[in-house]
Amino acid sequence: MNNILILGAGGPAGIGVIKSLRETNFDVNIISIDCNELSAGFHMSDKYFVVPKVESRYYLKEVLKIVKKEKIDLILPTTERDIVKISKNKHKFKNVTLFMSDYRTIVNCSDKLKFYNKCKNKFDLPRTSEEFDFDFPIFCKPKVGSGSRGTRLCDDMNCIRLLEEKFSPHRSSDYVFQEYLPGQEYTIDVLCDMDSNPLVAIPRKRLETKAGISSKGKIIKDNFIEKACFDICKFLKLKGPVCIQMKEDENKKLKFVEVNTRAGGGSYLATLAGVNFYDIILKIINNVDFDIPDFDEITVLRYFNEVVV
């Protein structure tokens, strides 16, 4: 039995991980946590716990209590803020595998300005700055955030002012400006082992998004994208499941927009295409030999499902 803790059971990434775990060849006991008692992932798990928000001083204490009580073997990354706190306190999670990147790597990727400054001389990225010296249209986005919250394509200064007043009324420095890329957007789900070796990259075109999550996607094979993602994963020393965003500029040149050091909201599409990251992870931690299966090029349409509680 593998006792697995899922962070952020209410988010699409957490739900996707739970669904993938149910399709592995391993006997799994899924324990999920979230700060929202109405999290849908709770009702897909074997057991669940409502915990304080990650900003609470009681959050870590409660998580450690659950880890001890449920004899957790493995913690999987699905939400940005949780993994920052947990990776920073890695030394407190004794005899538990944290299948995620190290704290410094997570911080460098979650802060969009740090990510840009670290990677800009090695990889193609949209120009990003705290200073407004761009031509419109531009993207205005929080330095740290997920799910497109607080992100807006702005055509004038009034749009920027309204955005800052709504999401960052006291500190405009919480925001960065970013070059607008008008072309095709791609999400790439990548799995790395715990030695930062990339194992597989699965690109998909984002055909439609809702609240920052892919609602329609087409999985493709693209040697250039796959190699580029392997290269940036090695450079950043990433570990575990990773979600990478790339987008084309006006000349159709692909640039890295961001790297998320966790499962993405649409990562279950990789499982549907034939590569279950969580079956591979369980083989790694259980010392079982494995090969990376080939994946299918498929188009996936997603919709809401109901949970009655």
C-alpha atoms as a PDB file:
ATOM      1  CA  MET A   1       0.000   0.000   0.000  1.00  0.00           C
ATOM      2  CA  ASN A   2       1.275   3.450  -0.942  1.00  0.00           C
ATOM      3  CA  ASN A   3      -0.128   6.184   1.323  1.00  0.00           C
ATOM      4  CA  ILE A   4      -0.194   9.332  -0.794  1.00  0.00           C
ATOM      5  CA  LEU A   5      -0.964  12.902   0.278  1.00  0.00           C
ATOM      6  CA  ILE A   6      -2.549  15.215  -2.307  1.00  0.00           C
ATOM      7  CA  LEU A   7      -2.239  18.948  -1.677  1.00  0.00           C
ATOM      8  CA  GLY A   8      -4.994  21.256  -2.893  1.00  0.00           C
ATOM      9  CA  ALA A   9      -7.712  18.671  -3.510  1.00  0.00           C
ATOM     10  CA  GLY A  10     -10.115  21.349  -4.735  1.00  0.00           C
ATOM     11  CA  GLY A  11      -8.030  22.461  -7.707  1.00  0.00           C
ATOM     12  CA  PRO A  12      -8.043  20.953 -11.202  1.00  0.00           C
ATOM     13  CA  ALA A  13      -4.438  19.737 -10.816  1.00  0.00           C
ATOM     14  CA  GLY A  14      -5.232  17.884  -7.587  1.00  0.00           C
ATOM     15  CA  ILE A  15      -8.297  16.261  -9.129  1.00  0.00           C
ATOM     16  CA  GLY A  16      -6.283  15.249 -12.217  1.00  0.00           C
ATOM     17  CA  VAL A  17      -3.609  13.641 -10.031  1.00  0.00           C
ATOM     18  CA  ILE A  18      -6.221  11.670  -8.071  1.00  0.00           C
ATOM     19  CA  LYS A  19      -7.799  10.419 -11.310  1.00  0.00           C
ATOM     20  CA  SER A  20      -4.384   9.370 -12.637  1.00  0.00           C
ATOM     21  CA  LEU A  21      -3.505   7.575  -9.385  1.00  0.00           C
ATOM     22  CA  ARG A  22      -6.716   5.545  -9.662  1.00  0.00           C
ATOM     23  CA  GLU A  23      -5.487   4.292 -13.041  1.00  0.00           C
ATOM     24  CA  THR A  24      -2.074   3.026 -11.902  1.00  0.00           C
ATOM     25  CA  ASN A  25      -1.146  -0.607 -11.292  1.00  0.00           C
ATOM     26  CA  PHE A  26      -0.419   0.100  -7.628  1.00  0.00           C
ATOM     27  CA  ASP A  27      -2.483  -0.253  -4.480  1.00  0.00           C
ATOM     28  CA  VAL A  28      -2.881   3.347  -3.364  1.00  0.00           C
ATOM     29  CA  ASN A  29      -4.467   4.978  -0.348  1.00  0.00           C
ATOM     30  CA  ILE A  30      -5.211   8.595  -1.258  1.00  0.00           C
ATOM     31  CA  ILE A  31      -5.417  11.181   1.508  1.00  0.00           C
ATOM     32  CA  SER A  32      -6.229  14.708   0.351  1.00  0.00           C
ATOM     33  CA  ILE A  33      -6.160  18.096   2.050  1.00  0.00           C
ATOM     34  CA  ASP A  34      -7.542  21.518   1.216  1.00  0.00           C
ATOM     35  CA  CYS A  35      -8.613  24.644   3.104  1.00  0.00           C
ATOM     36  CA  ASN A  36     -12.075  24.466   1.505  1.00  0.00           C
ATOM     37  CA  GLU A  37     -14.419  21.903   3.053  1.00  0.00           C
ATOM     38  CA  LEU A  38     -16.358  21.739  -0.242  1.00  0.00           C
ATOM     39  CA  SER A  39     -13.397  20.518  -2.326  1.00  0.00           C
ATOM     40  CA  ALA A  40     -14.503  18.045  -4.991  1.00  0.00           C
ATOM     41  CA  GLY A  41     -11.284  16.036  -4.711  1.00  0.00           C
ATOM     42  CA  PHE A  42     -12.210  15.096  -1.143  1.00  0.00           C
ATOM     43  CA  HIS A  43     -14.942  12.852  -2.501  1.00  0.00           C
ATOM     44  CA  MET A  44     -12.565  11.088  -4.880  1.00  0.00           C
ATOM     45  CA  SER A  45     -10.121  10.261  -2.067  1.00  0.00           C
ATOM     46  CA  ASP A  46      -9.999   7.507   0.536  1.00  0.00           C
ATOM     47  CA  LYS A  47      -9.764  10.055   3.319  1.00  0.00           C
ATOM     48  CA  TYR A  48      -9.576  13.825   3.512  1.00  0.00           C
ATOM     49  CA  PHE A  49      -8.819  16.635   5.956  1.00  0.00           C
ATOM     50  CA  VAL A  50      -9.695  20.316   5.973  1.00  0.00           C
ATOM     51  CA  VAL A  51      -6.568  22.304   6.872  1.00  0.00           C
ATOM     52  CA  PRO A  52      -5.911  26.012   7.527  1.00  0.00           C
ATOM     53  CA  LYS A  53      -4.872  28.254   4.647  1.00  0.00           C
ATOM     54  CA  VAL A  54      -1.200  27.953   3.822  1.00  0.00           C
ATOM     55  CA  GLU A  55      -0.575  31.482   5.192  1.00  0.00           C
ATOM     56  CA  SER A  56      -1.752  30.375   8.643  1.00  0.00           C
ATOM     57  CA  ARG A  57       0.849  29.662  11.292  1.00  0.00           C
ATOM     58  CA  TYR A  58      -1.039  26.440  12.004  1.00  0.00           C
ATOM     59  CA  TYR A  59      -0.895  25.082   8.439  1.00  0.00           C
ATOM     60  CA  LEU A  60       2.424  23.241   8.658  1.00  0.00           C
ATOM     61  CA  LYS A  61       1.655  21.813  12.086  1.00  0.00           C
ATOM     62  CA  GLU A  62      -1.631  20.358  10.811  1.00  0.00           C
ATOM     63  CA  VAL A  63      -0.025  18.871   7.699  1.00  0.00           C
ATOM     64  CA  LEU A  64       2.733  17.230   9.747  1.00  0.00           C
ATOM     65  CA  LYS A  65       0.115  15.812  12.094  1.00  0.00           C
ATOM     66  CA  ILE A  66      -1.742  14.266   9.142  1.00  0.00           C
ATOM     67  CA  VAL A  67       1.477  12.890   7.670  1.00  0.00           C
ATOM     68  CA  LYS A  68       2.286  11.134  10.937  1.00  0.00           C
ATOM     69  CA  LYS A  69      -1.245   9.882  11.620  1.00  0.00           C
ATOM     70  CA  GLU A  70      -1.791   8.500   8.102  1.00  0.00           C
ATOM     71  CA  LYS A  71       1.772   7.172   7.686  1.00  0.00           C
ATOM     72  CA  ILE A  72       2.228   9.115   4.462  1.00  0.00           C
ATOM     73  CA  ASP A  73       4.862   7.744   2.059  1.00  0.00           C
ATOM     74  CA  LEU A  74       4.596  10.246  -0.768  1.00  0.00           C
ATOM     75  CA  ILE A  75       3.551  13.898  -1.205  1.00  0.00           C
ATOM     76  CA  LEU A  76       2.751  15.153  -4.713  1.00  0.00           C
ATOM     77  CA  PRO A  77       2.867  18.827  -5.814  1.00  0.00           C
ATOM     78  CA  THR A  78      -0.342  20.334  -7.190  1.00  0.00           C
ATOM     79  CA  THR A  79      -0.511  23.872  -5.759  1.00  0.00           C
ATOM     80  CA  GLU A  80       2.144  26.572  -5.811  1.00  0.00           C
ATOM     81  CA  ARG A  81       1.780  28.042  -2.331  1.00  0.00           C
ATOM     82  CA  ASP A  82       1.623  24.679  -0.548  1.00  0.00           C
ATOM     83  CA  ILE A  83       4.826  23.394  -2.096  1.00  0.00           C
ATOM     84  CA  VAL A  84       6.730  26.579  -1.252  1.00  0.00           C
ATOM     85  CA  LYS A  85       5.911  26.062   2.431  1.00  0.00           C
ATOM     86  CA  ILE A  86       6.473  22.295   2.417  1.00  0.00           C
ATOM     87  CA  SER A  87       9.723  22.329   0.426  1.00  0.00           C
ATOM     88  CA  LYS A  88      11.122  25.034   2.712  1.00  0.00           C
ATOM     89  CA  ASN A  89      10.448  22.717   5.664  1.00  0.00           C
ATOM     90  CA  LYS A  90      11.581  19.529   3.913  1.00  0.00           C
ATOM     91  CA  HIS A  91      13.715  18.498   6.885  1.00  0.00           C
ATOM     92  CA  LYS A  92      10.555  18.076   8.997  1.00  0.00           C
ATOM     93  CA  PHE A  93       9.070  15.455   6.654  1.00  0.00           C
ATOM     94  CA  LYS A  94      11.105  12.472   7.777  1.00  0.00           C
ATOM     95  CA  ASN A  95      10.696   9.161   5.885  1.00  0.00           C
ATOM     96  CA  VAL A  96       8.405  10.877   3.360  1.00  0.00           C
ATOM     97  CA  THR A  97       9.202  11.282  -0.353  1.00  0.00           C
ATOM     98  CA  LEU A  98       8.499  14.831  -1.514  1.00  0.00           C
ATOM     99  CA  PHE A  99       8.357  14.235  -5.270  1.00  0.00           C
ATOM    100  CA  MET A 100       8.971  17.869  -6.112  1.00  0.00           C
ATOM    101  CA  SER A 101      11.709  20.394  -6.771  1.00  0.00           C
ATOM    102  CA  ASP A 102      13.851  21.925  -4.057  1.00  0.00           C
ATOM    103  CA  TYR A 103      12.768  25.113  -2.302  1.00  0.00           C
ATOM    104  CA  ARG A 104      15.138  27.488  -4.119  1.00  0.00           C
ATOM    105  CA  THR A 105      14.113  26.138  -7.526  1.00  0.00           C
ATOM    106  CA  ILE A 106      10.411  26.482  -6.669  1.00  0.00           C
ATOM    107  CA  VAL A 107      10.878  30.112  -5.574  1.00  0.00           C
ATOM    108  CA  ASN A 108      12.897  30.964  -8.695  1.00  0.00           C
ATOM    109  CA  CYS A 109      10.122  29.616 -10.915  1.00  0.00           C
ATOM    110  CA  SER A 110       7.085  30.890  -9.007  1.00  0.00           C
ATOM    111  CA  ASP A 111       8.334  34.500  -9.063  1.00  0.00           C
ATOM    112  CA  LYS A 112       7.981  35.599 -12.704  1.00  0.00           C
ATOM    113  CA  LEU A 113      10.688  38.262 -12.478  1.00  0.00           C
ATOM    114  CA  LYS A 114      13.199  35.879 -10.851  1.00  0.00           C
ATOM    115  CA  PHE A 115      12.381  33.272 -13.481  1.00  0.00           C
ATOM    116  CA  TYR A 116      12.933  35.791 -16.284  1.00  0.00           C
ATOM    117  CA  ASN A 117      16.241  37.053 -14.879  1.00  0.00           C
ATOM    118  CA  LYS A 118      17.550  33.533 -14.341  1.00  0.00           C
ATOM    119  CA  CYS A 119      16.659  32.224 -17.805  1.00  0.00           C
ATOM    120  CA  LYS A 120      16.743  35.220 -20.169  1.00  0.00           C
ATOM    121  CA  ASN A 121      20.364  34.714 -21.277  1.00  0.00           C
ATOM    122  CA  LYS A 122      19.897  31.001 -21.959  1.00  0.00           C
ATOM    123  CA  PHE A 123      16.407  30.697 -23.435  1.00  0.00           C
ATOM    124  CA  ASP A 124      13.909  32.676 -25.507  1.00  0.00           C
ATOM    125  CA  LEU A 125      11.436  34.443 -23.193  1.00  0.00           C
ATOM    126  CA  PRO A 126       9.050  37.382 -23.593  1.00  0.00           C
ATOM    127  CA  ARG A 127      10.651  40.567 -22.257  1.00  0.00           C
ATOM    128  CA  THR A 128       9.530  41.050 -18.652  1.00  0.00           C
ATOM    129  CA  SER A 129      10.076  44.039 -16.362  1.00  0.00           C
ATOM    130  CA  GLU A 130       8.830  45.866 -13.275  1.00  0.00           C
ATOM    131  CA  GLU A 131       9.206  49.098 -15.225  1.00  0.00           C
ATOM    132  CA  PHE A 132       6.605  50.183 -17.757  1.00  0.00           C
ATOM    133  CA  ASP A 133       8.551  50.808 -20.968  1.00  0.00           C
ATOM    134  CA  PHE A 134       6.476  48.729 -23.391  1.00  0.00           C
ATOM    135  CA  ASP A 135       4.239  49.491 -26.340  1.00  0.00           C
ATOM    136  CA  PHE A 136       0.608  48.420 -26.001  1.00  0.00           C
ATOM    137  CA  PRO A 137      -0.817  45.835 -25.914  1.00  0.00           C
ATOM    138  CA  ILE A 138       1.057  44.275 -22.991  1.00  0.00           C
ATOM    139  CA  PHE A 139       0.418  41.617 -20.399  1.00  0.00           C
ATOM    140  CA  CYS A 140       0.162  42.826 -16.816  1.00  0.00           C
ATOM    141  CA  LYS A 141       0.411  40.007 -14.277  1.00  0.00           C
ATOM    142  CA  PRO A 142       1.256  39.359 -10.612  1.00  0.00           C
ATOM    143  CA  LYS A 143       4.852  38.398  -9.886  1.00  0.00           C
ATOM    144  CA  VAL A 144       3.533  35.329  -8.079  1.00  0.00           C
ATOM    145  CA  GLY A 145       0.227  33.731  -9.000  1.00  0.00           C
ATOM    146  CA  SER A 146      -1.526  30.893 -10.798  1.00  0.00           C
ATOM    147  CA  GLY A 147      -4.661  30.147 -12.793  1.00  0.00           C
ATOM    148  CA  SER A 148      -4.432  33.526 -14.624  1.00  0.00           C
ATOM    149  CA  ARG A 149      -5.757  35.317 -11.511  1.00  0.00           C
ATOM    150  CA  GLY A 150      -4.972  39.022 -11.775  1.00  0.00           C
ATOM    151  CA  THR A 151      -3.565  38.653 -15.310  1.00  0.00           C
ATOM    152  CA  ARG A 152      -4.846  40.927 -18.050  1.00  0.00           C
ATOM    153  CA  LEU A 153      -3.964  41.922 -21.579  1.00  0.00           C
ATOM    154  CA  CYS A 154      -3.986  45.712 -21.392  1.00  0.00           C
ATOM    155  CA  ASP A 155      -4.435  48.210 -24.228  1.00  0.00           C
ATOM    156  CA  ASP A 156      -4.059  51.399 -22.187  1.00  0.00           C
ATOM    157  CA  MET A 157      -2.906  52.816 -18.839  1.00  0.00           C
ATOM    158  CA  ASN A 158      -6.429  52.872 -17.435  1.00  0.00           C
ATOM    159  CA  CYS A 159      -6.595  49.073 -17.700  1.00  0.00           C
ATOM    160  CA  ILE A 160      -3.324  48.786 -15.758  1.00  0.00           C
ATOM    161  CA  ARG A 161      -4.507  51.154 -13.023  1.00  0.00           C
ATOM    162  CA  LEU A 162      -7.790  49.282 -12.589  1.00  0.00           C
ATOM    163  CA  LEU A 163      -5.977  45.966 -12.403  1.00  0.00           C
ATOM    164  CA  GLU A 164      -3.542  47.166  -9.760  1.00  0.00           C
ATOM    165  CA  GLU A 165      -6.343  48.724  -7.710  1.00  0.00           C
ATOM    166  CA  LYS A 166      -8.294  45.470  -7.725  1.00  0.00           C
ATOM    167  CA  PHE A 167      -5.524  42.929  -7.116  1.00  0.00           C
ATOM    168  CA  SER A 168      -2.684  44.934  -5.579  1.00  0.00           C
ATOM    169  CA  PRO A 169      -4.054  48.211  -4.204  1.00  0.00           C
ATOM    170  CA  HIS A 170      -1.113  49.040  -1.948  1.00  0.00           C
ATOM    171  CA  ARG A 171       1.923  47.683  -3.817  1.00  0.00           C
ATOM    172  CA  SER A 172       2.236  48.121  -7.574  1.00  0.00           C
ATOM    173  CA  SER A 173       5.610  46.341  -7.283  1.00  0.00           C
ATOM    174  CA  ASP A 174       3.638  43.084  -6.917  1.00  0.00           C
ATOM    175  CA  TYR A 175       3.076  43.298 -10.684  1.00  0.00           C
ATOM    176  CA  VAL A 176       5.283  42.836 -13.751  1.00  0.00           C
ATOM    177  CA  PHE A 177       4.799  43.875 -17.365  1.00  0.00           C
ATOM    178  CA  GLN A 178       5.402  41.349 -20.117  1.00  0.00           C
ATOM    179  CA  GLU A 179       5.713  41.454 -23.885  1.00  0.00           C
ATOM    180  CA  TYR A 180       2.514  40.347 -25.608  1.00  0.00           C
ATOM    181  CA  LEU A 181       2.842  37.138 -27.628  1.00  0.00           C
ATOM    182  CA  PRO A 182      -0.059  36.869 -30.105  1.00  0.00           C
ATOM    183  CA  GLY A 183       0.607  33.367 -31.458  1.00  0.00           C
ATOM    184  CA  GLN A 184      -0.312  29.777 -30.583  1.00  0.00           C
ATOM    185  CA  GLU A 185      -0.002  28.793 -26.938  1.00  0.00           C
ATOM    186  CA  TYR A 186       1.270  25.411 -25.750  1.00  0.00           C
ATOM    187  CA  THR A 187       1.245  23.658 -22.393  1.00  0.00           C
ATOM    188  CA  ILE A 188       3.861  20.978 -21.902  1.00  0.00           C
ATOM    189  CA  ASP A 189       3.591  18.413 -19.129  1.00  0.00           C
ATOM    190  CA  VAL A 190       7.048  17.176 -18.165  1.00  0.00           C
ATOM    191  CA  LEU A 191       8.113  14.514 -15.683  1.00  0.00           C
ATOM    192  CA  CYS A 192      11.600  14.619 -14.160  1.00  0.00           C
ATOM    193  CA  ASP A 193      13.130  12.133 -11.744  1.00  0.00           C
ATOM    194  CA  MET A 194      14.556  13.155  -8.393  1.00  0.00           C
ATOM    195  CA  ASP A 195      18.018  13.629  -9.935  1.00  0.00           C
ATOM    196  CA  SER A 196      16.570  16.297 -12.260  1.00  0.00           C
ATOM    197  CA  ASN A 197      16.676  14.040 -15.318  1.00  0.00           C
ATOM    198  CA  PRO A 198      13.721  14.808 -17.633  1.00  0.00           C
ATOM    199  CA  LEU A 199      11.956  11.558 -18.536  1.00  0.00           C
ATOM    200  CA  VAL A 200       9.133  12.631 -20.848  1.00  0.00           C
ATOM    201  CA  ALA A 201       7.597  15.823 -22.246  1.00  0.00           C
ATOM    202  CA  ILE A 202       4.073  15.887 -23.671  1.00  0.00           C
ATOM    203  CA  PRO A 203       3.154  19.069 -25.576  1.00  0.00           C
ATOM    204  CA  ARG A 204      -0.403  20.142 -26.216  1.00  0.00           C
ATOM    205  CA  LYS A 205      -1.938  23.049 -28.052  1.00  0.00           C
ATOM    206  CA  ARG A 206      -4.254  25.106 -25.878  1.00  0.00           C
ATOM    207  CA  LEU A 207      -7.325  25.314 -28.083  1.00  0.00           C
ATOM    208  CA  GLU A 208      -9.525  26.913 -25.414  1.00  0.00           C
ATOM    209  CA  THR A 209      -8.976  28.003 -21.812  1.00  0.00           C
ATOM    210  CA  LYS A 210     -11.284  28.923 -18.952  1.00  0.00           C
ATOM    211  CA  ALA A 211      -9.895  30.631 -15.820  1.00  0.00           C
ATOM    212  CA  GLY A 212      -6.388  29.754 -16.976  1.00  0.00           C
ATOM    213  CA  ILE A 213      -7.165  26.028 -17.308  1.00  0.00           C
ATOM    214  CA  SER A 214      -7.237  24.201 -20.626  1.00  0.00           C
ATOM    215  CA  SER A 215     -10.808  23.213 -21.515  1.00  0.00           C
ATOM    216  CA  LYS A 216      -9.931  22.000 -25.021  1.00  0.00           C
ATOM    217  CA  GLY A 217      -6.496  20.713 -25.922  1.00  0.00           C
ATOM    218  CA  LYS A 218      -4.710  18.801 -28.677  1.00  0.00           C
ATOM    219  CA  ILE A 219      -1.726  16.663 -27.702  1.00  0.00           C
ATOM    220  CA  ILE A 220       0.985  16.726 -30.365  1.00  0.00           C
ATOM    221  CA  LYS A 221       4.476  15.391 -30.974  1.00  0.00           C
ATOM    222  CA  ASP A 222       7.033  18.120 -31.556  1.00  0.00           C
ATOM    223  CA  ASN A 223      10.762  17.375 -31.289  1.00  0.00           C
ATOM    224  CA  PHE A 224      11.730  21.047 -30.958  1.00  0.00           C
ATOM    225  CA  ILE A 225       9.329  21.706 -28.062  1.00  0.00           C
ATOM    226  CA  GLU A 226      10.211  18.461 -26.287  1.00  0.00           C
ATOM    227  CA  LYS A 227      13.987  19.122 -26.511  1.00  0.00           C
ATOM    228  CA  ALA A 228      13.594  22.765 -25.419  1.00  0.00           C
ATOM    229  CA  CYS A 229      11.618  21.649 -22.350  1.00  0.00           C
ATOM    230  CA  PHE A 230      14.204  18.994 -21.488  1.00  0.00           C
ATOM    231  CA  ASP A 231      16.913  21.673 -21.722  1.00  0.00           C
ATOM    232  CA  ILE A 232      15.176  24.172 -19.421  1.00  0.00           C
ATOM    233  CA  CYS A 233      14.323  21.428 -16.910  1.00  0.00           C
ATOM    234  CA  LYS A 234      17.990  20.444 -16.717  1.00  0.00           C
ATOM    235  CA  PHE A 235      19.070  24.082 -16.436  1.00  0.00           C
ATOM    236  CA  LEU A 236      16.639  24.797 -13.581  1.00  0.00           C
ATOM    237  CA  LYS A 237      17.281  21.408 -11.894  1.00  0.00           C
ATOM    238  CA  LEU A 238      13.578  20.609 -11.806  1.00  0.00           C
ATOM    239  CA  LYS A 239      12.175  17.510 -10.138  1.00  0.00           C
ATOM    240  CA  GLY A 240       8.836  15.723 -10.288  1.00  0.00           C
ATOM    241  CA  PRO A 241       5.853  16.729 -12.442  1.00  0.00           C
ATOM    242  CA  VAL A 242       6.243  20.114 -14.124  1.00  0.00           C
ATOM    243  CA  CYS A 243       3.896  22.253 -16.222  1.00  0.00           C
ATOM    244  CA  ILE A 244       5.532  24.559 -18.792  1.00  0.00           C
ATOM    245  CA  GLN A 245       3.871  27.298 -20.855  1.00  0.00           C
ATOM    246  CA  MET A 246       5.220  28.372 -24.262  1.00  0.00           C
ATOM    247  CA  LYS A 247       3.756  30.816 -26.779  1.00  0.00           C
ATOM    248  CA  GLU A 248       4.589  32.078 -30.254  1.00  0.00           C
ATOM    249  CA  ASP A 249       5.507  35.705 -30.892  1.00  0.00           C
ATOM    250  CA  GLU A 250       4.359  37.638 -33.975  1.00  0.00           C
ATOM    251  CA  ASN A 251       7.046  35.858 -36.038  1.00  0.00           C
ATOM    252  CA  LYS A 252       5.916  32.414 -34.792  1.00  0.00           C
ATOM    253  CA  LYS A 253       9.041  32.080 -32.657  1.00  0.00           C
ATOM    254  CA  LEU A 254       8.297  30.016 -29.545  1.00  0.00           C
ATOM    255  CA  LYS A 255       9.177  31.507 -26.164  1.00  0.00           C
ATOM    256  CA  PHE A 256       8.946  30.173 -22.616  1.00  0.00           C
ATOM    257  CA  VAL A 257       6.274  32.097 -20.717  1.00  0.00           C
ATOM    258  CA  GLU A 258       6.522  30.309 -17.373  1.00  0.00           C
ATOM    259  CA  VAL A 259       7.514  27.090 -15.632  1.00  0.00           C
ATOM    260  CA  ASN A 260       5.267  25.715 -12.886  1.00  0.00           C
ATOM    261  CA  THR A 261       6.999  23.328 -10.490  1.00  0.00           C
ATOM    262  CA  ARG A 262       3.877  21.205 -10.036  1.00  0.00           C
ATOM    263  CA  ALA A 263       1.260  19.283 -11.948  1.00  0.00           C
ATOM    264  CA  GLY A 264      -0.795  21.447 -14.278  1.00  0.00           C
ATOM    265  CA  GLY A 265      -4.557  21.768 -14.287  1.00  0.00           C
ATOM    266  CA  GLY A 266      -4.737  19.793 -17.533  1.00  0.00           C
ATOM    267  CA  SER A 267      -2.090  17.188 -16.724  1.00  0.00           C
ATOM    268  CA  TYR A 268      -4.663  14.375 -16.765  1.00  0.00           C
ATOM    269  CA  LEU A 269      -4.639  14.750 -20.562  1.00  0.00           C
ATOM    270  CA  ALA A 270      -1.192  13.094 -20.549  1.00  0.00           C
ATOM    271  CA  THR A 271      -2.734  10.064 -18.844  1.00  0.00           C
ATOM    272  CA  LEU A 272      -5.469   9.970 -21.476  1.00  0.00           C
ATOM    273  CA  ALA A 273      -2.762  10.066 -24.168  1.00  0.00           C
ATOM    274  CA  GLY A 274      -1.107   6.960 -22.706  1.00  0.00           C
ATOM    275  CA  VAL A 275       1.551   8.258 -20.286  1.00  0.00           C
ATOM    276  CA  ASN A 276       0.486   8.150 -16.648  1.00  0.00           C
ATOM    277  CA  PHE A 277       3.089  10.212 -14.786  1.00  0.00           C
ATOM    278  CA  TYR A 278       1.909   8.838 -11.444  1.00  0.00           C
ATOM    279  CA  ASP A 279       2.331   5.217 -12.446  1.00  0.00           C
ATOM    280  CA  ILE A 280       5.931   6.115 -13.374  1.00  0.00           C
ATOM    281  CA  ILE A 281       6.457   7.985 -10.079  1.00  0.00           C
ATOM    282  CA  LEU A 282       5.199   4.995  -8.084  1.00  0.00           C
ATOM    283  CA  LYS A 283       7.520   2.701 -10.038  1.00  0.00           C
ATOM    284  CA  ILE A 284      10.433   5.008  -9.208  1.00  0.00           C
ATOM    285  CA  ILE A 285       9.756   5.144  -5.459  1.00  0.00           C
ATOM    286  CA  ASN A 286       9.040   1.388  -5.326  1.00  0.00           C
ATOM    287  CA  ASN A 287      12.219   0.544  -7.304  1.00  0.00           C
ATOM    288  CA  VAL A 288      10.299  -1.058 -10.166  1.00  0.00           C
ATOM    289  CA  ASP A 289      11.878  -1.072 -13.645  1.00  0.00           C
ATOM    290  CA  PHE A 290       9.971   0.950 -16.210  1.00  0.00           C
ATOM    291  CA  ASP A 291       9.976   2.168 -19.794  1.00  0.00           C
ATOM    292  CA  ILE A 292       8.407   5.412 -20.948  1.00  0.00           C
ATOM    293  CA  PRO A 293       5.464   4.502 -23.198  1.00  0.00           C
ATOM    294  CA  ASP A 294       4.807   6.326 -26.448  1.00  0.00           C
ATOM    295  CA  PHE A 295       1.897   8.740 -26.350  1.00  0.00           C
ATOM    296  CA  ASP A 296      -0.994   9.283 -28.747  1.00  0.00           C
ATOM    297  CA  GLU A 297      -1.805  12.527 -30.507  1.00  0.00           C
ATOM    298  CA  ILE A 298      -5.345  13.171 -29.317  1.00  0.00           C
ATOM    299  CA  THR A 299      -7.769  16.070 -28.959  1.00  0.00           C
ATOM    300  CA  VAL A 300      -9.537  16.276 -25.587  1.00  0.00           C
ATOM    301  CA  LEU A 301     -12.681  18.248 -24.766  1.00  0.00           C
ATOM    302  CA  ARG A 302     -13.334  18.836 -21.066  1.00  0.00           C
ATOM    303  CA  TYR A 303     -16.527  19.597 -19.170  1.00  0.00           C
ATOM    304  CA  PHE A 304     -17.793  20.013 -15.601  1.00  0.00           C
ATOM    305  CA  ASN A 305     -18.951  17.007 -13.626  1.00  0.00           C
ATOM    306  CA  GLU A 306     -21.171  17.065 -10.524  1.00  0.00           C
ATOM    307  CA  VAL A 307     -20.410  15.767  -7.030  1.00  0.00           C
ATOM    308  CA  VAL A 308     -23.334  15.386  -4.640  1.00  0.00           C
ATOM    309  CA  VAL A 309     -22.347  15.590  -0.945  1.00  0.00           C
END
